[in-house]
Amino acid sequence: MAFDDTLIVDHIKQTHSTELLSEREKHLIGLAVTMTRGCQVCTRNRVKKARSIGFTDHELNALIAVTSAVNSGVTAATARVAFGMLEEEKAGECGDVCSANPQ
């Protein structure tokens, strides 16, 4: 059976049809997500589309800076929690919550 993306495409169309966000906001979010996910082809296509609807490189670079800052913050917070979990495990304070081998 061939891959059928009908459900995914329908979901994307429905989500993009929201009037709660402007088209500009939707493009910024989409670009931030593709950069975060690491898809160069998707990011290239979204940058091209953003330029075609009037985004300047200055605006796109501001988005890149914010996206990078948020991702670095998440990375640091994730690492901090992981180190804390290891310390709690070492001290025997967390039980199965942070154990690598829950019982």
PDB file of N, CA and C in Angstrom:
ATOM      1  N   MET A   1       0.838  -1.180   0.000  1.00  0.00           N
ATOM      2  CA  MET A   1       0.000   0.000   0.000  1.00  0.00           C
ATOM      3  C   MET A   1       0.882   1.241   0.000  1.00  0.00           C
ATOM      4  N   ALA A   2       0.623   2.148  -0.879  1.00  0.00           N
ATOM      5  CA  ALA A   2       1.398   3.385  -0.968  1.00  0.00           C
ATOM      6  C   ALA A   2       1.058   4.308   0.204  1.00  0.00           C
ATOM      7  N   PHE A   3       1.980   5.170   0.532  1.00  0.00           N
ATOM      8  CA  PHE A   3       1.775   6.144   1.607  1.00  0.00           C
ATOM      9  C   PHE A   3       0.621   7.067   1.257  1.00  0.00           C
ATOM     10  N   ASP A   4      -0.253   7.272   2.213  1.00  0.00           N
ATOM     11  CA  ASP A   4      -1.407   8.151   2.026  1.00  0.00           C
ATOM     12  C   ASP A   4      -1.320   9.288   3.033  1.00  0.00           C
ATOM     13  N   ASP A   5      -1.068  10.482   2.541  1.00  0.00           N
ATOM     14  CA  ASP A   5      -0.912  11.627   3.444  1.00  0.00           C
ATOM     15  C   ASP A   5      -2.180  12.467   3.551  1.00  0.00           C
ATOM     16  N   THR A   6      -3.311  11.907   3.164  1.00  0.00           N
ATOM     17  CA  THR A   6      -4.569  12.657   3.157  1.00  0.00           C
ATOM     18  C   THR A   6      -4.889  13.248   4.526  1.00  0.00           C
ATOM     19  N   LEU A   7      -4.775  12.463   5.581  1.00  0.00           N
ATOM     20  CA  LEU A   7      -5.093  12.961   6.921  1.00  0.00           C
ATOM     21  C   LEU A   7      -4.159  14.094   7.327  1.00  0.00           C
ATOM     22  N   ILE A   8      -2.893  13.957   7.023  1.00  0.00           N
ATOM     23  CA  ILE A   8      -1.920  14.997   7.368  1.00  0.00           C
ATOM     24  C   ILE A   8      -2.200  16.273   6.592  1.00  0.00           C
ATOM     25  N   VAL A   9      -2.413  16.146   5.306  1.00  0.00           N
ATOM     26  CA  VAL A   9      -2.686  17.313   4.464  1.00  0.00           C
ATOM     27  C   VAL A   9      -3.972  18.004   4.913  1.00  0.00           C
ATOM     28  N   ASP A  10      -4.994  17.228   5.224  1.00  0.00           N
ATOM     29  CA  ASP A  10      -6.257  17.808   5.705  1.00  0.00           C
ATOM     30  C   ASP A  10      -6.042  18.553   7.021  1.00  0.00           C
ATOM     31  N   HIS A  11      -5.261  17.964   7.911  1.00  0.00           N
ATOM     32  CA  HIS A  11      -4.974  18.611   9.196  1.00  0.00           C
ATOM     33  C   HIS A  11      -4.215  19.925   8.982  1.00  0.00           C
ATOM     34  N   ILE A  12      -3.244  19.914   8.106  1.00  0.00           N
ATOM     35  CA  ILE A  12      -2.466  21.133   7.826  1.00  0.00           C
ATOM     36  C   ILE A  12      -3.382  22.214   7.251  1.00  0.00           C
ATOM     37  N   LYS A  13      -4.215  21.846   6.314  1.00  0.00           N
ATOM     38  CA  LYS A  13      -5.143  22.822   5.712  1.00  0.00           C
ATOM     39  C   LYS A  13      -6.077  23.404   6.769  1.00  0.00           C
ATOM     40  N   GLN A  14      -6.612  22.546   7.622  1.00  0.00           N
ATOM     41  CA  GLN A  14      -7.520  23.012   8.665  1.00  0.00           C
ATOM     42  C   GLN A  14      -6.797  23.941   9.638  1.00  0.00           C
ATOM     43  N   THR A  15      -5.601  23.565  10.054  1.00  0.00           N
ATOM     44  CA  THR A  15      -4.835  24.375  10.995  1.00  0.00           C
ATOM     45  C   THR A  15      -4.477  25.718  10.384  1.00  0.00           C
ATOM     46  N   HIS A  16      -4.057  25.727   9.146  1.00  0.00           N
ATOM     47  CA  HIS A  16      -3.666  26.971   8.482  1.00  0.00           C
ATOM     48  C   HIS A  16      -4.863  27.870   8.165  1.00  0.00           C
ATOM     49  N   SER A  17      -6.053  27.325   8.231  1.00  0.00           N
ATOM     50  CA  SER A  17      -7.225  28.142   7.918  1.00  0.00           C
ATOM     51  C   SER A  17      -7.667  29.016   9.097  1.00  0.00           C
ATOM     52  N   THR A  18      -7.031  28.869  10.247  1.00  0.00           N
ATOM     53  CA  THR A  18      -7.419  29.675  11.407  1.00  0.00           C
ATOM     54  C   THR A  18      -7.291  31.165  11.108  1.00  0.00           C
ATOM     55  N   GLU A  19      -8.231  31.911  11.635  1.00  0.00           N
ATOM     56  CA  GLU A  19      -8.192  33.360  11.491  1.00  0.00           C
ATOM     57  C   GLU A  19      -7.635  34.019  12.747  1.00  0.00           C
ATOM     58  N   LEU A  20      -7.232  33.204  13.715  1.00  0.00           N
ATOM     59  CA  LEU A  20      -6.690  33.732  14.971  1.00  0.00           C
ATOM     60  C   LEU A  20      -5.268  34.254  14.802  1.00  0.00           C
ATOM     61  N   LEU A  21      -4.586  33.781  13.765  1.00  0.00           N
ATOM     62  CA  LEU A  21      -3.230  34.242  13.454  1.00  0.00           C
ATOM     63  C   LEU A  21      -3.216  34.834  12.054  1.00  0.00           C
ATOM     64  N   SER A  22      -2.419  35.865  11.874  1.00  0.00           N
ATOM     65  CA  SER A  22      -2.276  36.451  10.541  1.00  0.00           C
ATOM     66  C   SER A  22      -1.410  35.529   9.680  1.00  0.00           C
ATOM     67  N   GLU A  23      -1.479  35.726   8.380  1.00  0.00           N
ATOM     68  CA  GLU A  23      -0.621  34.943   7.481  1.00  0.00           C
ATOM     69  C   GLU A  23       0.852  35.184   7.819  1.00  0.00           C
ATOM     70  N   ARG A  24       1.176  36.413   8.163  1.00  0.00           N
ATOM     71  CA  ARG A  24       2.543  36.772   8.545  1.00  0.00           C
ATOM     72  C   ARG A  24       2.991  35.975   9.780  1.00  0.00           C
ATOM     73  N   GLU A  25       2.122  35.908  10.784  1.00  0.00           N
ATOM     74  CA  GLU A  25       2.457  35.144  11.998  1.00  0.00           C
ATOM     75  C   GLU A  25       2.627  33.658  11.686  1.00  0.00           C
ATOM     76  N   LYS A  26       1.749  33.132  10.846  1.00  0.00           N
ATOM     77  CA  LYS A  26       1.850  31.719  10.469  1.00  0.00           C
ATOM     78  C   LYS A  26       3.185  31.433   9.780  1.00  0.00           C
ATOM     79  N   HIS A  27       3.618  32.341   8.910  1.00  0.00           N
ATOM     80  CA  HIS A  27       4.896  32.148   8.218  1.00  0.00           C
ATOM     81  C   HIS A  27       6.059  32.193   9.198  1.00  0.00           C
ATOM     82  N   LEU A  28       6.029  33.119  10.143  1.00  0.00           N
ATOM     83  CA  LEU A  28       7.107  33.221  11.131  1.00  0.00           C
ATOM     84  C   LEU A  28       7.184  31.962  11.985  1.00  0.00           C
ATOM     85  N   ILE A  29       6.037  31.472  12.422  1.00  0.00           N
ATOM     86  CA  ILE A  29       6.017  30.250  13.232  1.00  0.00           C
ATOM     87  C   ILE A  29       6.535  29.072  12.421  1.00  0.00           C
ATOM     88  N   GLY A  30       6.055  28.939  11.192  1.00  0.00           N
ATOM     89  CA  GLY A  30       6.501  27.838  10.338  1.00  0.00           C
ATOM     90  C   GLY A  30       7.996  27.861  10.099  1.00  0.00           C
ATOM     91  N   LEU A  31       8.530  29.047   9.859  1.00  0.00           N
ATOM     92  CA  LEU A  31       9.973  29.164   9.637  1.00  0.00           C
ATOM     93  C   LEU A  31      10.747  28.826  10.904  1.00  0.00           C
ATOM     94  N   ALA A  32      10.282  29.304  12.045  1.00  0.00           N
ATOM     95  CA  ALA A  32      10.960  28.991  13.310  1.00  0.00           C
ATOM     96  C   ALA A  32      10.967  27.480  13.564  1.00  0.00           C
ATOM     97  N   VAL A  33       9.857  26.830  13.271  1.00  0.00           N
ATOM     98  CA  VAL A  33       9.776  25.387  13.482  1.00  0.00           C
ATOM     99  C   VAL A  33      10.705  24.634  12.534  1.00  0.00           C
ATOM    100  N   THR A  34      10.728  25.000  11.260  1.00  0.00           N
ATOM    101  CA  THR A  34      11.593  24.273  10.324  1.00  0.00           C
ATOM    102  C   THR A  34      13.060  24.453  10.676  1.00  0.00           C
ATOM    103  N   MET A  35      13.433  25.646  11.146  1.00  0.00           N
ATOM    104  CA  MET A  35      14.827  25.849  11.574  1.00  0.00           C
ATOM    105  C   MET A  35      15.140  25.001  12.796  1.00  0.00           C
ATOM    106  N   THR A  36      14.197  24.976  13.739  1.00  0.00           N
ATOM    107  CA  THR A  36      14.391  24.198  14.966  1.00  0.00           C
ATOM    108  C   THR A  36      14.494  22.710  14.661  1.00  0.00           C
ATOM    109  N   ARG A  37      13.683  22.251  13.729  1.00  0.00           N
ATOM    110  CA  ARG A  37      13.702  20.829  13.358  1.00  0.00           C
ATOM    111  C   ARG A  37      14.931  20.464  12.525  1.00  0.00           C
ATOM    112  N   GLY A  38      15.584  21.478  11.967  1.00  0.00           N
ATOM    113  CA  GLY A  38      16.822  21.231  11.230  1.00  0.00           C
ATOM    114  C   GLY A  38      16.631  20.824   9.781  1.00  0.00           C
ATOM    115  N   CYS A  39      15.504  21.154   9.203  1.00  0.00           N
ATOM    116  CA  CYS A  39      15.273  20.800   7.799  1.00  0.00           C
ATOM    117  C   CYS A  39      15.718  21.962   6.902  1.00  0.00           C
ATOM    118  N   GLN A  40      16.887  21.813   6.267  1.00  0.00           N
ATOM    119  CA  GLN A  40      17.414  22.887   5.423  1.00  0.00           C
ATOM    120  C   GLN A  40      16.542  23.155   4.199  1.00  0.00           C
ATOM    121  N   VAL A  41      16.010  22.101   3.589  1.00  0.00           N
ATOM    122  CA  VAL A  41      15.176  22.277   2.404  1.00  0.00           C
ATOM    123  C   VAL A  41      13.896  23.018   2.777  1.00  0.00           C
ATOM    124  N   CYS A  42      13.270  22.621   3.877  1.00  0.00           N
ATOM    125  CA  CYS A  42      12.042  23.305   4.325  1.00  0.00           C
ATOM    126  C   CYS A  42      12.339  24.758   4.668  1.00  0.00           C
ATOM    127  N   THR A  43      13.457  24.984   5.350  1.00  0.00           N
ATOM    128  CA  THR A  43      13.830  26.344   5.746  1.00  0.00           C
ATOM    129  C   THR A  43      14.088  27.189   4.508  1.00  0.00           C
ATOM    130  N   ARG A  44      14.802  26.644   3.534  1.00  0.00           N
ATOM    131  CA  ARG A  44      15.064  27.367   2.287  1.00  0.00           C
ATOM    132  C   ARG A  44      13.760  27.767   1.626  1.00  0.00           C
ATOM    133  N   ASN A  45      12.830  26.816   1.538  1.00  0.00           N
ATOM    134  CA  ASN A  45      11.548  27.088   0.891  1.00  0.00           C
ATOM    135  C   ASN A  45      10.745  28.142   1.654  1.00  0.00           C
ATOM    136  N   ARG A  46      10.789  28.081   2.964  1.00  0.00           N
ATOM    137  CA  ARG A  46      10.054  29.057   3.768  1.00  0.00           C
ATOM    138  C   ARG A  46      10.690  30.447   3.695  1.00  0.00           C
ATOM    139  N   VAL A  47      12.024  30.503   3.639  1.00  0.00           N
ATOM    140  CA  VAL A  47      12.700  31.798   3.476  1.00  0.00           C
ATOM    141  C   VAL A  47      12.316  32.394   2.120  1.00  0.00           C
ATOM    142  N   LYS A  48      12.345  31.567   1.082  1.00  0.00           N
ATOM    143  CA  LYS A  48      11.967  32.033  -0.250  1.00  0.00           C
ATOM    144  C   LYS A  48      10.537  32.563  -0.247  1.00  0.00           C
ATOM    145  N   LYS A  49       9.619  31.817   0.355  1.00  0.00           N
ATOM    146  CA  LYS A  49       8.215  32.244   0.433  1.00  0.00           C
ATOM    147  C   LYS A  49       8.084  33.535   1.242  1.00  0.00           C
ATOM    148  N   ALA A  50       8.790  33.605   2.376  1.00  0.00           N
ATOM    149  CA  ALA A  50       8.730  34.811   3.221  1.00  0.00           C
ATOM    150  C   ALA A  50       9.207  36.035   2.454  1.00  0.00           C
ATOM    151  N   ARG A  51      10.298  35.898   1.716  1.00  0.00           N
ATOM    152  CA  ARG A  51      10.797  37.017   0.901  1.00  0.00           C
ATOM    153  C   ARG A  51       9.755  37.417  -0.148  1.00  0.00           C
ATOM    154  N   SER A  52       9.092  36.412  -0.738  1.00  0.00           N
ATOM    155  CA  SER A  52       8.139  36.707  -1.814  1.00  0.00           C
ATOM    156  C   SER A  52       6.898  37.451  -1.307  1.00  0.00           C
ATOM    157  N   ILE A  53       6.600  37.335  -0.028  1.00  0.00           N
ATOM    158  CA  ILE A  53       5.431  38.047   0.508  1.00  0.00           C
ATOM    159  C   ILE A  53       5.832  39.307   1.288  1.00  0.00           C
ATOM    160  N   GLY A  54       7.120  39.690   1.164  1.00  0.00           N
ATOM    161  CA  GLY A  54       7.522  40.979   1.693  1.00  0.00           C
ATOM    162  C   GLY A  54       8.387  41.008   2.934  1.00  0.00           C
ATOM    163  N   PHE A  55       8.753  39.855   3.468  1.00  0.00           N
ATOM    164  CA  PHE A  55       9.667  39.867   4.607  1.00  0.00           C
ATOM    165  C   PHE A  55      11.038  40.337   4.145  1.00  0.00           C
ATOM    166  N   THR A  56      11.665  41.171   4.946  1.00  0.00           N
ATOM    167  CA  THR A  56      13.024  41.606   4.630  1.00  0.00           C
ATOM    168  C   THR A  56      14.025  40.652   5.283  1.00  0.00           C
ATOM    169  N   ASP A  57      15.240  40.657   4.779  1.00  0.00           N
ATOM    170  CA  ASP A  57      16.271  39.833   5.404  1.00  0.00           C
ATOM    171  C   ASP A  57      16.535  40.288   6.834  1.00  0.00           C
ATOM    172  N   HIS A  58      16.369  41.583   7.094  1.00  0.00           N
ATOM    173  CA  HIS A  58      16.526  42.098   8.450  1.00  0.00           C
ATOM    174  C   HIS A  58      15.495  41.441   9.388  1.00  0.00           C
ATOM    175  N   GLU A  59      14.236  41.344   8.947  1.00  0.00           N
ATOM    176  CA  GLU A  59      13.198  40.690   9.740  1.00  0.00           C
ATOM    177  C   GLU A  59      13.481  39.203   9.910  1.00  0.00           C
ATOM    178  N   LEU A  60      13.922  38.564   8.841  1.00  0.00           N
ATOM    179  CA  LEU A  60      14.225  37.136   8.917  1.00  0.00           C
ATOM    180  C   LEU A  60      15.394  36.868   9.858  1.00  0.00           C
ATOM    181  N   ASN A  61      16.406  37.727   9.814  1.00  0.00           N
ATOM    182  CA  ASN A  61      17.534  37.564  10.736  1.00  0.00           C
ATOM    183  C   ASN A  61      17.120  37.791  12.181  1.00  0.00           C
ATOM    184  N   ALA A  62      16.168  38.688  12.418  1.00  0.00           N
ATOM    185  CA  ALA A  62      15.648  38.883  13.776  1.00  0.00           C
ATOM    186  C   ALA A  62      14.934  37.614  14.244  1.00  0.00           C
ATOM    187  N   LEU A  63      14.162  37.001  13.357  1.00  0.00           N
ATOM    188  CA  LEU A  63      13.500  35.744  13.688  1.00  0.00           C
ATOM    189  C   LEU A  63      14.528  34.664  14.003  1.00  0.00           C
ATOM    190  N   ILE A  64      15.570  34.585  13.205  1.00  0.00           N
ATOM    191  CA  ILE A  64      16.620  33.591  13.435  1.00  0.00           C
ATOM    192  C   ILE A  64      17.261  33.811  14.802  1.00  0.00           C
ATOM    193  N   ALA A  65      17.513  35.059  15.165  1.00  0.00           N
ATOM    194  CA  ALA A  65      18.128  35.366  16.463  1.00  0.00           C
ATOM    195  C   ALA A  65      17.213  34.940  17.612  1.00  0.00           C
ATOM    196  N   VAL A  66      15.931  35.262  17.510  1.00  0.00           N
ATOM    197  CA  VAL A  66      14.994  34.882  18.573  1.00  0.00           C
ATOM    198  C   VAL A  66      14.871  33.367  18.665  1.00  0.00           C
ATOM    199  N   THR A  67      14.739  32.710  17.522  1.00  0.00           N
ATOM    200  CA  THR A  67      14.621  31.251  17.501  1.00  0.00           C
ATOM    201  C   THR A  67      15.860  30.607  18.110  1.00  0.00           C
ATOM    202  N   SER A  68      17.026  31.115  17.771  1.00  0.00           N
ATOM    203  CA  SER A  68      18.276  30.586  18.323  1.00  0.00           C
ATOM    204  C   SER A  68      18.342  30.785  19.830  1.00  0.00           C
ATOM    205  N   ALA A  69      17.915  31.958  20.302  1.00  0.00           N
ATOM    206  CA  ALA A  69      17.940  32.237  21.738  1.00  0.00           C
ATOM    207  C   ALA A  69      16.997  31.311  22.496  1.00  0.00           C
ATOM    208  N   VAL A  70      15.794  31.113  21.963  1.00  0.00           N
ATOM    209  CA  VAL A  70      14.833  30.225  22.621  1.00  0.00           C
ATOM    210  C   VAL A  70      15.387  28.802  22.650  1.00  0.00           C
ATOM    211  N   ASN A  71      15.927  28.349  21.541  1.00  0.00           N
ATOM    212  CA  ASN A  71      16.473  26.991  21.500  1.00  0.00           C
ATOM    213  C   ASN A  71      17.661  26.821  22.437  1.00  0.00           C
ATOM    214  N   SER A  72      18.515  27.819  22.536  1.00  0.00           N
ATOM    215  CA  SER A  72      19.651  27.691  23.452  1.00  0.00           C
ATOM    216  C   SER A  72      19.162  27.682  24.897  1.00  0.00           C
ATOM    217  N   GLY A  73      18.120  28.460  25.196  1.00  0.00           N
ATOM    218  CA  GLY A  73      17.542  28.437  26.541  1.00  0.00           C
ATOM    219  C   GLY A  73      16.956  27.084  26.880  1.00  0.00           C
ATOM    220  N   VAL A  74      16.249  26.484  25.938  1.00  0.00           N
ATOM    221  CA  VAL A  74      15.665  25.159  26.143  1.00  0.00           C
ATOM    222  C   VAL A  74      16.776  24.127  26.325  1.00  0.00           C
ATOM    223  N   THR A  75      17.822  24.233  25.540  1.00  0.00           N
ATOM    224  CA  THR A  75      18.944  23.305  25.663  1.00  0.00           C
ATOM    225  C   THR A  75      19.575  23.395  27.046  1.00  0.00           C
ATOM    226  N   ALA A  76      19.818  24.626  27.505  1.00  0.00           N
ATOM    227  CA  ALA A  76      20.423  24.821  28.823  1.00  0.00           C
ATOM    228  C   ALA A  76      19.502  24.299  29.929  1.00  0.00           C
ATOM    229  N   ALA A  77      18.208  24.585  29.830  1.00  0.00           N
ATOM    230  CA  ALA A  77      17.262  24.129  30.847  1.00  0.00           C
ATOM    231  C   ALA A  77      17.172  22.599  30.865  1.00  0.00           C
ATOM    232  N   THR A  78      17.169  21.981  29.686  1.00  0.00           N
ATOM    233  CA  THR A  78      17.117  20.522  29.601  1.00  0.00           C
ATOM    234  C   THR A  78      18.349  19.902  30.240  1.00  0.00           C
ATOM    235  N   ALA A  79      19.502  20.464  29.943  1.00  0.00           N
ATOM    236  CA  ALA A  79      20.742  19.959  30.530  1.00  0.00           C
ATOM    237  C   ALA A  79      20.737  20.146  32.048  1.00  0.00           C
ATOM    238  N   ARG A  80      20.273  21.300  32.511  1.00  0.00           N
ATOM    239  CA  ARG A  80      20.226  21.580  33.947  1.00  0.00           C
ATOM    240  C   ARG A  80      19.343  20.557  34.654  1.00  0.00           C
ATOM    241  N   VAL A  81      18.184  20.265  34.097  1.00  0.00           N
ATOM    242  CA  VAL A  81      17.285  19.274  34.694  1.00  0.00           C
ATOM    243  C   VAL A  81      17.925  17.884  34.671  1.00  0.00           C
ATOM    244  N   ALA A  82      18.564  17.534  33.561  1.00  0.00           N
ATOM    245  CA  ALA A  82      19.214  16.225  33.458  1.00  0.00           C
ATOM    246  C   ALA A  82      20.304  16.071  34.516  1.00  0.00           C
ATOM    247  N   PHE A  83      21.126  17.103  34.706  1.00  0.00           N
ATOM    248  CA  PHE A  83      22.160  17.052  35.736  1.00  0.00           C
ATOM    249  C   PHE A  83      21.521  16.921  37.122  1.00  0.00           C
ATOM    250  N   GLY A  84      20.418  17.658  37.342  1.00  0.00           N
ATOM    251  CA  GLY A  84      19.715  17.573  38.625  1.00  0.00           C
ATOM    252  C   GLY A  84      19.154  16.187  38.874  1.00  0.00           C
ATOM    253  N   MET A  85      18.614  15.566  37.822  1.00  0.00           N
ATOM    254  CA  MET A  85      18.088  14.208  37.949  1.00  0.00           C
ATOM    255  C   MET A  85      19.196  13.238  38.319  1.00  0.00           C
ATOM    256  N   LEU A  86      20.357  13.408  37.714  1.00  0.00           N
ATOM    257  CA  LEU A  86      21.484  12.533  38.053  1.00  0.00           C
ATOM    258  C   LEU A  86      21.906  12.721  39.503  1.00  0.00           C
ATOM    259  N   GLU A  87      21.925  13.964  39.968  1.00  0.00           N
ATOM    260  CA  GLU A  87      22.286  14.238  41.356  1.00  0.00           C
ATOM    261  C   GLU A  87      21.259  13.648  42.323  1.00  0.00           C
ATOM    262  N   GLU A  88      19.966  13.786  41.985  1.00  0.00           N
ATOM    263  CA  GLU A  88      18.911  13.213  42.829  1.00  0.00           C
ATOM    264  C   GLU A  88      19.003  11.694  42.851  1.00  0.00           C
ATOM    265  N   GLU A  89      19.284  11.122  41.685  1.00  0.00           N
ATOM    266  CA  GLU A  89      19.428   9.664  41.621  1.00  0.00           C
ATOM    267  C   GLU A  89      20.596   9.221  42.477  1.00  0.00           C
ATOM    268  N   LYS A  90      21.681   9.937  42.378  1.00  0.00           N
ATOM    269  CA  LYS A  90      22.891   9.617  43.150  1.00  0.00           C
ATOM    270  C   LYS A  90      22.605   9.704  44.645  1.00  0.00           C
ATOM    271  N   ALA A  91      21.811  10.699  45.036  1.00  0.00           N
ATOM    272  CA  ALA A  91      21.482  10.884  46.446  1.00  0.00           C
ATOM    273  C   ALA A  91      20.332   9.975  46.893  1.00  0.00           C
ATOM    274  N   GLY A  92      19.737   9.250  45.937  1.00  0.00           N
ATOM    275  CA  GLY A  92      18.637   8.354  46.264  1.00  0.00           C
ATOM    276  C   GLY A  92      17.349   9.071  46.612  1.00  0.00           C
ATOM    277  N   GLU A  93      17.177  10.298  46.134  1.00  0.00           N
ATOM    278  CA  GLU A  93      16.019  11.113  46.491  1.00  0.00           C
ATOM    279  C   GLU A  93      14.877  11.055  45.492  1.00  0.00           C
ATOM    280  N   CYS A  94      15.076  10.434  44.367  1.00  0.00           N
ATOM    281  CA  CYS A  94      14.031  10.536  43.343  1.00  0.00           C
ATOM    282  C   CYS A  94      13.323   9.231  43.035  1.00  0.00           C
ATOM    283  N   GLY A  95      13.780   8.142  43.558  1.00  0.00           N
ATOM    284  CA  GLY A  95      13.130   6.868  43.282  1.00  0.00           C
ATOM    285  C   GLY A  95      13.111   6.549  41.809  1.00  0.00           C
ATOM    286  N   ASP A  96      11.964   6.123  41.312  1.00  0.00           N
ATOM    287  CA  ASP A  96      11.826   5.723  39.908  1.00  0.00           C
ATOM    288  C   ASP A  96      11.694   6.920  38.951  1.00  0.00           C
ATOM    289  N   VAL A  97      11.434   8.120  39.495  1.00  0.00           N
ATOM    290  CA  VAL A  97      11.177   9.267  38.646  1.00  0.00           C
ATOM    291  C   VAL A  97      12.344   9.571  37.730  1.00  0.00           C
ATOM    292  N   CYS A  98      13.553   9.546  38.256  1.00  0.00           N
ATOM    293  CA  CYS A  98      14.698   9.909  37.404  1.00  0.00           C
ATOM    294  C   CYS A  98      15.705   8.768  37.250  1.00  0.00           C
ATOM    295  N   SER A  99      15.350   7.603  37.680  1.00  0.00           N
ATOM    296  CA  SER A  99      16.244   6.469  37.557  1.00  0.00           C
ATOM    297  C   SER A  99      16.317   5.991  36.113  1.00  0.00           C
ATOM    298  N   ALA A 100      17.523   5.620  35.722  1.00  0.00           N
ATOM    299  CA  ALA A 100      17.690   5.050  34.375  1.00  0.00           C
ATOM    300  C   ALA A 100      17.088   3.658  34.297  1.00  0.00           C
ATOM    301  N   ASN A 101      16.889   3.024  35.432  1.00  0.00           N
ATOM    302  CA  ASN A 101      16.338   1.664  35.489  1.00  0.00           C
ATOM    303  C   ASN A 101      15.166   1.610  36.473  1.00  0.00           C
ATOM    304  N   PRO A 102      14.011   2.186  36.119  1.00  0.00           N
ATOM    305  CA  PRO A 102      12.867   2.182  37.048  1.00  0.00           C
ATOM    306  C   PRO A 102      12.434   0.768  37.373  1.00  0.00           C
ATOM    307  N   GLN A 103      11.960   0.564  38.580  1.00  0.00           N
ATOM    308  CA  GLN A 103      11.537  -0.768  39.047  1.00  0.00           C
ATOM    309  C   GLN A 103      10.126  -1.065  38.632  1.00  0.00           C
TER     310      GLN A 103
END
